[in-house]
Each structure stands twice: as C-alpha cells, then as structure tokens.
Amino acid sequence: MSSDAHLRRDHGTPPSSSPYIDWGPDLPGQYDGGRARVLVANPTTLYLVWETPTSPARWRLDLLVDGHRRATLEIDGAGREAWLQVSARSRGEVHLLRDEVHVATLPFETPPDAPSDDTSERWGRLDGHGHVRAAGPIGGRALGPDAIAPNASSSAASSSSVVRGS
C-alpha cells in the first residue's frame, strides 16, 4: 500500500472527458542506507524523507527560496520526515543538517497553483490523412471554415475536419 493511498482512491479509469490530474509519484515508505529526498506533494507543500544508519541528537532543515532563508525547522534525532509549506511557483533548496553538519542539499521547484496559465484555444485543420495543415490561433482568432494552408488541396479541404486541442 502506498503511503499516499489515504489521499487518493482508485475509482477505475476515468472517462476520456475527465481532466487529467498528475498526482506524481507515490511517496516513499522507506529508504535503505543514507538517502534524502524532497518531493513536491502539491504546489504549496514539500515532503522530505531521509534515512541514515545512525540517529543524531537533532536534525535541522533550512528552507531557502530564491537564495533567501525562509524557514528553519529543528527536529529530534529520531525524526525521518518533514512537511514544509512553500509558495506556489517557487524555486529553492532545502539544506539538511545532522548535529550542525551539512548532510544534503535538496533542490525543488513547485508548479503554479492552477492547471495552466495558458487559457488560449488552439485550432487545427486536418486533411483526409490526419495531417495538420493549418493551426491557430491566427491573429488571436480561431481558424475560420475557409482557413486552409496553401499546400492543402481543395479535395482535402472538403474532406477535412476541424479539431480543437489544448
């Protein structure tokens, strides 16, 4: 059972009209040896997990965003994971220190807090063989029914179909 199973349930294959949501990789349950990972759980949350053969007295996590320290988190030596809040669309790194000794630098980049900034529609005209002959938008407008690329023949124009994509 994956460690994020409580966050999402498998409800079968969604219909093709449903929006695609990228849940990313499953959160790790455990690493062997000395490893540290940072995973972007969502646009505003980072999940850190680390393992070492020995437990120190304490851990310290320094969160840096765009080169500036945003937060410091002190954790008991038995700690092996942490959640950090960050801003959407940010880039930075987390420094992991064991008893004030630097262990790892973990870079991250969070996505925007929206499916996409691009809300424009794009239109294309396909010829009878399924090849795109013209694509839009042209001048900020979708292609009209008579907009066909110069190399498309009139027979292709009559049998072509307009498709809408994103």
N, C-alpha and C. Protein backbone atom coordinates (compact mmCIF):
# COMPACT_ATOMS: atom_id res chain seq x y z
N MET A 1 0.85 -1.19 0.00
CA MET A 1 0.00 0.00 0.00
C MET A 1 0.88 1.23 0.00
N SER A 2 0.65 2.13 -0.90
CA SER A 2 1.47 3.33 -0.97
C SER A 2 1.13 4.26 0.18
N SER A 3 2.10 5.11 0.54
CA SER A 3 1.91 5.96 1.70
C SER A 3 0.95 7.11 1.43
N ASP A 4 0.55 7.34 0.19
CA ASP A 4 -0.42 8.40 -0.08
C ASP A 4 -1.78 7.83 -0.46
N ALA A 5 -2.01 6.53 -0.17
CA ALA A 5 -3.27 5.91 -0.54
C ALA A 5 -4.45 6.56 0.15
N HIS A 6 -4.25 7.12 1.33
CA HIS A 6 -5.35 7.79 2.02
C HIS A 6 -5.73 9.11 1.36
N LEU A 7 -4.87 9.64 0.51
CA LEU A 7 -5.15 10.91 -0.16
C LEU A 7 -5.93 10.72 -1.45
N ARG A 8 -5.76 9.61 -2.09
CA ARG A 8 -6.45 9.37 -3.34
C ARG A 8 -6.87 7.91 -3.42
N ARG A 9 -8.03 7.68 -3.91
CA ARG A 9 -8.56 6.33 -4.06
C ARG A 9 -8.64 6.00 -5.55
N ASP A 10 -8.45 4.74 -5.87
CA ASP A 10 -8.56 4.32 -7.25
C ASP A 10 -10.04 4.06 -7.55
N HIS A 11 -10.61 4.86 -8.41
CA HIS A 11 -12.00 4.73 -8.79
C HIS A 11 -12.12 4.22 -10.22
N GLY A 12 -11.14 3.48 -10.67
CA GLY A 12 -11.17 2.95 -12.03
C GLY A 12 -10.65 3.97 -13.02
N THR A 13 -10.68 3.63 -14.27
CA THR A 13 -10.22 4.51 -15.33
C THR A 13 -11.24 5.61 -15.56
N PRO A 14 -10.81 6.87 -15.48
CA PRO A 14 -11.77 7.95 -15.70
C PRO A 14 -12.16 8.04 -17.17
N PRO A 15 -13.34 8.57 -17.46
CA PRO A 15 -13.71 8.74 -18.87
C PRO A 15 -12.78 9.75 -19.55
N SER A 16 -12.68 9.64 -20.87
CA SER A 16 -11.74 10.50 -21.59
C SER A 16 -12.10 11.97 -21.49
N SER A 17 -13.33 12.30 -21.12
CA SER A 17 -13.72 13.71 -20.99
C SER A 17 -13.29 14.30 -19.66
N SER A 18 -12.83 13.47 -18.71
CA SER A 18 -12.39 13.97 -17.41
C SER A 18 -11.04 14.65 -17.54
N PRO A 19 -10.78 15.69 -16.73
CA PRO A 19 -9.46 16.33 -16.78
C PRO A 19 -8.40 15.40 -16.20
N TYR A 20 -7.19 15.50 -16.69
CA TYR A 20 -6.08 14.68 -16.21
C TYR A 20 -5.43 15.38 -15.02
N ILE A 21 -5.29 14.69 -13.92
CA ILE A 21 -4.61 15.23 -12.75
C ILE A 21 -3.37 14.40 -12.50
N ASP A 22 -2.21 15.04 -12.55
CA ASP A 22 -0.95 14.34 -12.33
C ASP A 22 -0.68 14.31 -10.83
N TRP A 23 -0.87 13.16 -10.20
CA TRP A 23 -0.64 13.02 -8.77
C TRP A 23 0.83 12.83 -8.46
N GLY A 24 1.65 12.64 -9.46
CA GLY A 24 3.08 12.45 -9.23
C GLY A 24 3.38 11.07 -8.68
N PRO A 25 4.63 10.82 -8.31
CA PRO A 25 5.00 9.50 -7.80
C PRO A 25 4.44 9.29 -6.40
N ASP A 26 4.29 8.02 -6.02
CA ASP A 26 3.88 7.70 -4.66
C ASP A 26 4.97 8.16 -3.69
N LEU A 27 4.57 8.59 -2.53
CA LEU A 27 5.55 8.98 -1.51
C LEU A 27 6.24 7.72 -1.00
N PRO A 28 7.55 7.78 -0.80
CA PRO A 28 8.27 6.57 -0.38
C PRO A 28 7.93 6.19 1.06
N GLY A 29 7.89 4.91 1.32
CA GLY A 29 7.67 4.44 2.68
C GLY A 29 8.96 4.37 3.47
N GLN A 30 10.07 3.98 2.79
CA GLN A 30 11.33 3.85 3.50
C GLN A 30 12.46 3.74 2.48
N TYR A 31 13.61 4.29 2.84
CA TYR A 31 14.82 4.13 2.04
C TYR A 31 15.85 3.38 2.88
N ASP A 32 16.64 2.55 2.24
CA ASP A 32 17.73 1.87 2.93
C ASP A 32 18.98 2.71 2.81
N GLY A 33 19.80 2.69 3.85
CA GLY A 33 21.07 3.40 3.81
C GLY A 33 20.90 4.89 4.02
N GLY A 34 21.86 5.65 3.60
CA GLY A 34 21.83 7.09 3.77
C GLY A 34 21.29 7.80 2.55
N ARG A 35 20.02 8.14 2.58
CA ARG A 35 19.38 8.83 1.46
C ARG A 35 18.53 9.97 1.97
N ALA A 36 18.36 10.96 1.13
CA ALA A 36 17.45 12.07 1.44
C ALA A 36 16.76 12.46 0.15
N ARG A 37 15.48 12.72 0.22
CA ARG A 37 14.68 13.10 -0.96
C ARG A 37 13.72 14.23 -0.58
N VAL A 38 13.47 15.10 -1.53
CA VAL A 38 12.40 16.08 -1.38
C VAL A 38 11.44 15.85 -2.54
N LEU A 39 10.16 15.78 -2.22
CA LEU A 39 9.13 15.57 -3.22
C LEU A 39 8.14 16.72 -3.13
N VAL A 40 7.69 17.19 -4.28
CA VAL A 40 6.67 18.24 -4.30
C VAL A 40 5.32 17.53 -4.18
N ALA A 41 4.70 17.67 -3.01
CA ALA A 41 3.43 17.00 -2.77
C ALA A 41 2.28 17.70 -3.48
N ASN A 42 2.33 19.02 -3.53
CA ASN A 42 1.37 19.84 -4.25
C ASN A 42 2.01 21.21 -4.45
N PRO A 43 1.37 22.17 -5.10
CA PRO A 43 2.05 23.44 -5.39
C PRO A 43 2.55 24.21 -4.17
N THR A 44 2.05 23.91 -2.97
CA THR A 44 2.47 24.67 -1.79
C THR A 44 3.06 23.81 -0.68
N THR A 45 3.33 22.54 -0.94
CA THR A 45 3.83 21.66 0.11
C THR A 45 4.95 20.77 -0.39
N LEU A 46 6.02 20.69 0.40
CA LEU A 46 7.14 19.79 0.13
C LEU A 46 7.13 18.69 1.17
N TYR A 47 7.45 17.48 0.74
CA TYR A 47 7.60 16.36 1.65
C TYR A 47 9.05 15.93 1.60
N LEU A 48 9.72 15.90 2.76
CA LEU A 48 11.11 15.47 2.85
C LEU A 48 11.18 14.17 3.61
N VAL A 49 12.00 13.26 3.14
CA VAL A 49 12.22 11.99 3.82
C VAL A 49 13.70 11.68 3.74
N TRP A 50 14.26 11.17 4.84
CA TRP A 50 15.68 10.84 4.86
C TRP A 50 15.91 9.68 5.82
N GLU A 51 17.00 8.98 5.57
CA GLU A 51 17.42 7.88 6.42
C GLU A 51 18.93 7.86 6.50
N THR A 52 19.42 7.58 7.68
CA THR A 52 20.85 7.40 7.90
C THR A 52 21.02 6.21 8.83
N PRO A 53 22.19 5.58 8.80
CA PRO A 53 22.41 4.41 9.66
C PRO A 53 22.39 4.75 11.15
N THR A 54 22.76 5.96 11.53
CA THR A 54 22.78 6.34 12.94
C THR A 54 21.88 7.54 13.17
N SER A 55 21.34 7.63 14.37
CA SER A 55 20.47 8.77 14.72
C SER A 55 21.28 9.83 15.46
N PRO A 56 21.22 11.06 14.99
CA PRO A 56 21.92 12.14 15.67
C PRO A 56 21.10 12.66 16.85
N ALA A 57 21.63 13.66 17.53
CA ALA A 57 20.87 14.30 18.60
C ALA A 57 19.73 15.12 18.02
N ARG A 58 19.98 15.79 16.87
CA ARG A 58 18.92 16.57 16.23
C ARG A 58 19.23 16.80 14.75
N TRP A 59 18.17 17.09 14.02
CA TRP A 59 18.23 17.45 12.61
C TRP A 59 17.82 18.91 12.48
N ARG A 60 18.33 19.55 11.45
CA ARG A 60 17.89 20.91 11.14
C ARG A 60 17.65 21.00 9.64
N LEU A 61 16.52 21.58 9.27
CA LEU A 61 16.19 21.81 7.87
C LEU A 61 16.15 23.30 7.64
N ASP A 62 16.92 23.77 6.69
CA ASP A 62 16.91 25.18 6.29
C ASP A 62 16.26 25.27 4.92
N LEU A 63 15.15 26.00 4.83
CA LEU A 63 14.42 26.20 3.58
C LEU A 63 14.87 27.50 2.96
N LEU A 64 15.44 27.44 1.76
CA LEU A 64 15.86 28.62 1.02
C LEU A 64 15.04 28.72 -0.25
N VAL A 65 14.45 29.89 -0.50
CA VAL A 65 13.68 30.15 -1.70
C VAL A 65 14.32 31.33 -2.39
N ASP A 66 14.69 31.15 -3.64
CA ASP A 66 15.37 32.19 -4.43
C ASP A 66 16.59 32.75 -3.69
N GLY A 67 17.33 31.87 -3.00
CA GLY A 67 18.55 32.27 -2.33
C GLY A 67 18.37 32.89 -0.96
N HIS A 68 17.14 33.07 -0.50
CA HIS A 68 16.88 33.68 0.81
C HIS A 68 16.30 32.64 1.77
N ARG A 69 16.79 32.64 3.00
CA ARG A 69 16.28 31.70 4.00
C ARG A 69 14.86 32.08 4.38
N ARG A 70 13.94 31.13 4.22
CA ARG A 70 12.52 31.37 4.52
C ARG A 70 12.09 30.71 5.82
N ALA A 71 12.73 29.59 6.18
CA ALA A 71 12.34 28.89 7.40
C ALA A 71 13.45 27.97 7.86
N THR A 72 13.48 27.71 9.16
CA THR A 72 14.38 26.73 9.75
C THR A 72 13.54 25.84 10.65
N LEU A 73 13.72 24.55 10.52
CA LEU A 73 12.95 23.58 11.29
C LEU A 73 13.92 22.68 12.03
N GLU A 74 13.80 22.60 13.35
CA GLU A 74 14.62 21.72 14.18
C GLU A 74 13.79 20.49 14.53
N ILE A 75 14.39 19.30 14.36
CA ILE A 75 13.69 18.04 14.58
C ILE A 75 14.55 17.15 15.47
N ASP A 76 13.90 16.41 16.35
CA ASP A 76 14.56 15.44 17.20
C ASP A 76 15.32 14.44 16.33
N GLY A 77 16.39 13.88 16.84
CA GLY A 77 17.23 12.95 16.08
C GLY A 77 16.52 11.72 15.56
N ALA A 78 15.39 11.35 16.18
CA ALA A 78 14.64 10.18 15.71
C ALA A 78 13.79 10.51 14.48
N GLY A 79 13.65 11.78 14.16
CA GLY A 79 12.84 12.20 13.02
C GLY A 79 13.40 11.70 11.70
N ARG A 80 12.49 11.37 10.79
CA ARG A 80 12.90 10.87 9.47
C ARG A 80 12.14 11.50 8.33
N GLU A 81 11.23 12.43 8.64
CA GLU A 81 10.46 13.06 7.58
C GLU A 81 9.96 14.41 8.07
N ALA A 82 9.58 15.26 7.09
CA ALA A 82 9.05 16.58 7.42
C ALA A 82 8.23 17.09 6.26
N TRP A 83 7.25 17.93 6.58
CA TRP A 83 6.44 18.62 5.58
C TRP A 83 6.76 20.10 5.70
N LEU A 84 7.00 20.77 4.59
CA LEU A 84 7.30 22.20 4.59
C LEU A 84 6.33 22.92 3.68
N GLN A 85 5.86 24.08 4.13
CA GLN A 85 4.99 24.92 3.31
C GLN A 85 5.85 25.91 2.51
N VAL A 86 5.55 26.02 1.23
CA VAL A 86 6.25 26.94 0.33
C VAL A 86 5.20 27.66 -0.51
N SER A 87 5.64 28.63 -1.25
CA SER A 87 4.75 29.32 -2.17
C SER A 87 4.66 28.54 -3.48
N ALA A 88 3.50 28.62 -4.10
CA ALA A 88 3.36 28.03 -5.43
C ALA A 88 4.30 28.77 -6.38
N ARG A 89 4.75 28.07 -7.39
CA ARG A 89 5.65 28.62 -8.40
C ARG A 89 6.92 29.20 -7.77
N SER A 90 7.55 28.41 -6.91
CA SER A 90 8.79 28.87 -6.29
C SER A 90 9.90 27.87 -6.58
N ARG A 91 11.12 28.33 -6.45
CA ARG A 91 12.30 27.51 -6.70
C ARG A 91 13.28 27.74 -5.57
N GLY A 92 13.86 26.67 -5.08
CA GLY A 92 14.81 26.82 -3.98
C GLY A 92 15.46 25.50 -3.64
N GLU A 93 15.87 25.40 -2.38
CA GLU A 93 16.52 24.18 -1.91
C GLU A 93 16.33 24.06 -0.41
N VAL A 94 16.42 22.83 0.05
CA VAL A 94 16.37 22.53 1.47
C VAL A 94 17.73 21.96 1.85
N HIS A 95 18.32 22.54 2.90
CA HIS A 95 19.58 22.03 3.42
C HIS A 95 19.28 21.17 4.63
N LEU A 96 19.78 19.94 4.62
CA LEU A 96 19.60 19.00 5.72
C LEU A 96 20.90 18.95 6.50
N LEU A 97 20.82 19.23 7.81
CA LEU A 97 21.99 19.21 8.68
C LEU A 97 21.78 18.22 9.82
N ARG A 98 22.79 17.41 10.09
CA ARG A 98 22.77 16.45 11.20
C ARG A 98 23.76 16.95 12.24
N ASP A 99 23.23 17.33 13.42
CA ASP A 99 24.07 17.88 14.50
C ASP A 99 24.96 19.00 13.98
N GLU A 100 24.35 19.92 13.22
CA GLU A 100 25.01 21.11 12.65
C GLU A 100 26.03 20.80 11.56
N VAL A 101 26.07 19.57 11.07
CA VAL A 101 26.95 19.20 9.96
C VAL A 101 26.09 19.00 8.73
N HIS A 102 26.43 19.70 7.65
CA HIS A 102 25.66 19.64 6.41
C HIS A 102 25.70 18.23 5.83
N VAL A 103 24.50 17.68 5.55
CA VAL A 103 24.39 16.33 5.01
C VAL A 103 23.97 16.34 3.55
N ALA A 104 22.99 17.19 3.19
CA ALA A 104 22.48 17.17 1.82
C ALA A 104 21.87 18.52 1.46
N THR A 105 21.93 18.84 0.17
CA THR A 105 21.21 19.98 -0.41
C THR A 105 20.20 19.40 -1.39
N LEU A 106 18.92 19.70 -1.16
CA LEU A 106 17.85 19.11 -1.94
C LEU A 106 17.11 20.21 -2.70
N PRO A 107 17.35 20.34 -4.00
CA PRO A 107 16.67 21.39 -4.79
C PRO A 107 15.22 21.02 -5.08
N PHE A 108 14.38 22.04 -5.27
CA PHE A 108 12.98 21.81 -5.61
C PHE A 108 12.48 22.95 -6.48
N GLU A 109 11.38 22.70 -7.17
CA GLU A 109 10.65 23.71 -7.93
C GLU A 109 9.18 23.34 -7.87
N THR A 110 8.34 24.26 -7.40
CA THR A 110 6.92 23.97 -7.29
C THR A 110 6.18 24.53 -8.50
N PRO A 111 5.11 23.86 -8.91
CA PRO A 111 4.34 24.32 -10.08
C PRO A 111 3.41 25.47 -9.69
N PRO A 112 2.79 26.10 -10.67
CA PRO A 112 1.79 27.12 -10.35
C PRO A 112 0.58 26.47 -9.67
N ASP A 113 -0.17 27.26 -8.93
CA ASP A 113 -1.34 26.74 -8.21
C ASP A 113 -2.56 26.79 -9.11
N ALA A 114 -2.42 26.25 -10.32
CA ALA A 114 -3.50 26.20 -11.30
C ALA A 114 -3.10 25.18 -12.35
N PRO A 115 -4.06 24.62 -13.06
CA PRO A 115 -3.70 23.64 -14.09
C PRO A 115 -2.74 24.20 -15.13
N SER A 116 -2.97 25.45 -15.56
CA SER A 116 -2.10 26.06 -16.55
C SER A 116 -2.43 27.54 -16.65
N ASP A 117 -1.42 28.33 -17.01
CA ASP A 117 -1.65 29.75 -17.25
C ASP A 117 -2.16 29.98 -18.67
N ASP A 118 -1.96 29.01 -19.53
CA ASP A 118 -2.33 29.16 -20.93
C ASP A 118 -3.80 28.81 -21.11
N THR A 119 -4.62 29.82 -21.29
CA THR A 119 -6.06 29.59 -21.45
C THR A 119 -6.52 29.79 -22.89
N SER A 120 -5.59 30.04 -23.79
CA SER A 120 -5.98 30.25 -25.17
C SER A 120 -6.36 28.93 -25.83
N GLU A 121 -7.23 29.02 -26.79
CA GLU A 121 -7.61 27.83 -27.55
C GLU A 121 -6.74 27.74 -28.79
N ARG A 122 -6.47 26.54 -29.20
CA ARG A 122 -5.71 26.32 -30.42
C ARG A 122 -6.55 25.44 -31.33
N TRP A 123 -6.61 25.83 -32.56
CA TRP A 123 -7.41 25.08 -33.53
C TRP A 123 -6.49 24.58 -34.63
N GLY A 124 -6.86 23.48 -35.20
CA GLY A 124 -6.10 22.95 -36.31
C GLY A 124 -7.02 22.29 -37.31
N ARG A 125 -6.59 22.27 -38.55
CA ARG A 125 -7.37 21.62 -39.59
C ARG A 125 -6.58 20.42 -40.08
N LEU A 126 -7.25 19.29 -40.13
CA LEU A 126 -6.62 18.05 -40.57
C LEU A 126 -7.06 17.74 -41.99
N ASP A 127 -6.12 17.20 -42.77
CA ASP A 127 -6.52 16.75 -44.11
C ASP A 127 -7.09 15.34 -44.01
N GLY A 128 -7.41 14.77 -45.12
CA GLY A 128 -8.02 13.44 -45.14
C GLY A 128 -7.13 12.35 -44.58
N HIS A 129 -5.82 12.60 -44.45
CA HIS A 129 -4.89 11.61 -43.93
C HIS A 129 -4.56 11.84 -42.46
N GLY A 130 -5.17 12.85 -41.87
CA GLY A 130 -4.94 13.12 -40.46
C GLY A 130 -3.75 14.02 -40.17
N HIS A 131 -3.17 14.63 -41.21
CA HIS A 131 -2.04 15.55 -41.02
C HIS A 131 -2.56 16.96 -40.78
N VAL A 132 -1.94 17.67 -39.85
CA VAL A 132 -2.33 19.05 -39.58
C VAL A 132 -1.86 19.92 -40.73
N ARG A 133 -2.76 20.64 -41.35
CA ARG A 133 -2.44 21.51 -42.47
C ARG A 133 -2.42 22.98 -42.07
N ALA A 134 -3.13 23.35 -41.02
CA ALA A 134 -3.12 24.72 -40.52
C ALA A 134 -3.43 24.67 -39.04
N ALA A 135 -2.85 25.57 -38.29
CA ALA A 135 -3.08 25.61 -36.85
C ALA A 135 -3.26 27.04 -36.42
N GLY A 136 -3.94 27.26 -35.32
CA GLY A 136 -4.23 28.61 -34.86
C GLY A 136 -3.81 28.76 -33.42
N PRO A 137 -4.15 29.83 -32.77
CA PRO A 137 -4.98 30.89 -33.32
C PRO A 137 -4.19 31.78 -34.28
N ILE A 138 -4.88 32.37 -35.25
CA ILE A 138 -4.28 33.31 -36.19
C ILE A 138 -4.80 34.69 -35.84
N GLY A 139 -3.90 35.57 -35.49
CA GLY A 139 -4.31 36.93 -35.12
C GLY A 139 -5.23 36.94 -33.92
N GLY A 140 -5.07 35.96 -33.00
CA GLY A 140 -5.89 35.91 -31.81
C GLY A 140 -7.26 35.31 -32.03
N ARG A 141 -7.55 34.86 -33.27
CA ARG A 141 -8.86 34.26 -33.56
C ARG A 141 -8.66 32.82 -33.97
N ALA A 142 -9.67 32.04 -33.74
CA ALA A 142 -9.63 30.66 -34.20
C ALA A 142 -9.74 30.64 -35.72
N LEU A 143 -9.32 29.55 -36.33
CA LEU A 143 -9.40 29.43 -37.78
C LEU A 143 -10.86 29.40 -38.23
N GLY A 144 -11.14 30.08 -39.29
CA GLY A 144 -12.47 30.03 -39.87
C GLY A 144 -12.61 28.82 -40.77
N PRO A 145 -13.81 28.55 -41.26
CA PRO A 145 -14.02 27.36 -42.09
C PRO A 145 -13.25 27.41 -43.41
N ASP A 146 -12.86 28.60 -43.88
CA ASP A 146 -12.15 28.68 -45.15
C ASP A 146 -10.64 28.82 -44.97
N ALA A 147 -10.15 28.77 -43.73
CA ALA A 147 -8.70 28.90 -43.49
C ALA A 147 -8.04 27.55 -43.68
N ILE A 148 -7.29 27.43 -44.74
CA ILE A 148 -6.61 26.18 -45.08
C ILE A 148 -5.21 26.56 -45.50
N ALA A 149 -4.27 25.75 -45.13
CA ALA A 149 -2.88 26.02 -45.50
C ALA A 149 -2.75 25.97 -47.02
N PRO A 150 -1.82 26.76 -47.59
CA PRO A 150 -1.69 26.81 -49.05
C PRO A 150 -1.38 25.47 -49.70
N ASN A 151 -0.72 24.55 -49.02
CA ASN A 151 -0.35 23.30 -49.66
C ASN A 151 -1.45 22.24 -49.56
N ALA A 152 -2.59 22.58 -48.97
CA ALA A 152 -3.69 21.62 -48.89
C ALA A 152 -4.53 21.73 -50.16
N SER A 153 -4.91 20.60 -50.72
CA SER A 153 -5.70 20.63 -51.95
C SER A 153 -7.17 20.90 -51.63
N SER A 154 -7.93 21.26 -52.65
CA SER A 154 -9.35 21.54 -52.44
C SER A 154 -10.10 20.28 -52.03
N SER A 155 -9.65 19.10 -52.51
CA SER A 155 -10.33 17.86 -52.10
C SER A 155 -10.05 17.58 -50.63
N ALA A 156 -8.83 17.92 -50.17
CA ALA A 156 -8.53 17.76 -48.76
C ALA A 156 -9.36 18.73 -47.94
N ALA A 157 -9.59 19.92 -48.49
CA ALA A 157 -10.38 20.91 -47.77
C ALA A 157 -11.81 20.42 -47.58
N SER A 158 -12.36 19.77 -48.59
CA SER A 158 -13.72 19.34 -48.46
C SER A 158 -13.88 18.14 -47.54
N SER A 159 -12.81 17.33 -47.40
CA SER A 159 -12.91 16.16 -46.53
C SER A 159 -12.21 16.37 -45.19
N SER A 160 -11.73 17.57 -44.95
CA SER A 160 -11.02 17.79 -43.71
C SER A 160 -11.97 18.04 -42.57
N SER A 161 -11.47 17.89 -41.38
CA SER A 161 -12.26 18.16 -40.19
C SER A 161 -11.50 19.10 -39.28
N VAL A 162 -12.21 19.89 -38.53
CA VAL A 162 -11.57 20.82 -37.60
C VAL A 162 -11.53 20.16 -36.24
N VAL A 163 -10.36 20.19 -35.63
CA VAL A 163 -10.21 19.62 -34.30
C VAL A 163 -9.77 20.69 -33.34
N ARG A 164 -10.20 20.55 -32.13
CA ARG A 164 -9.85 21.52 -31.10
C ARG A 164 -8.96 20.82 -30.08
N GLY A 165 -7.87 21.43 -29.72
CA GLY A 165 -6.97 20.84 -28.75
C GLY A 165 -6.46 21.88 -27.79
N SER A 166 -5.78 21.41 -26.78
CA SER A 166 -5.20 22.36 -25.83
C SER A 166 -3.72 22.15 -25.69
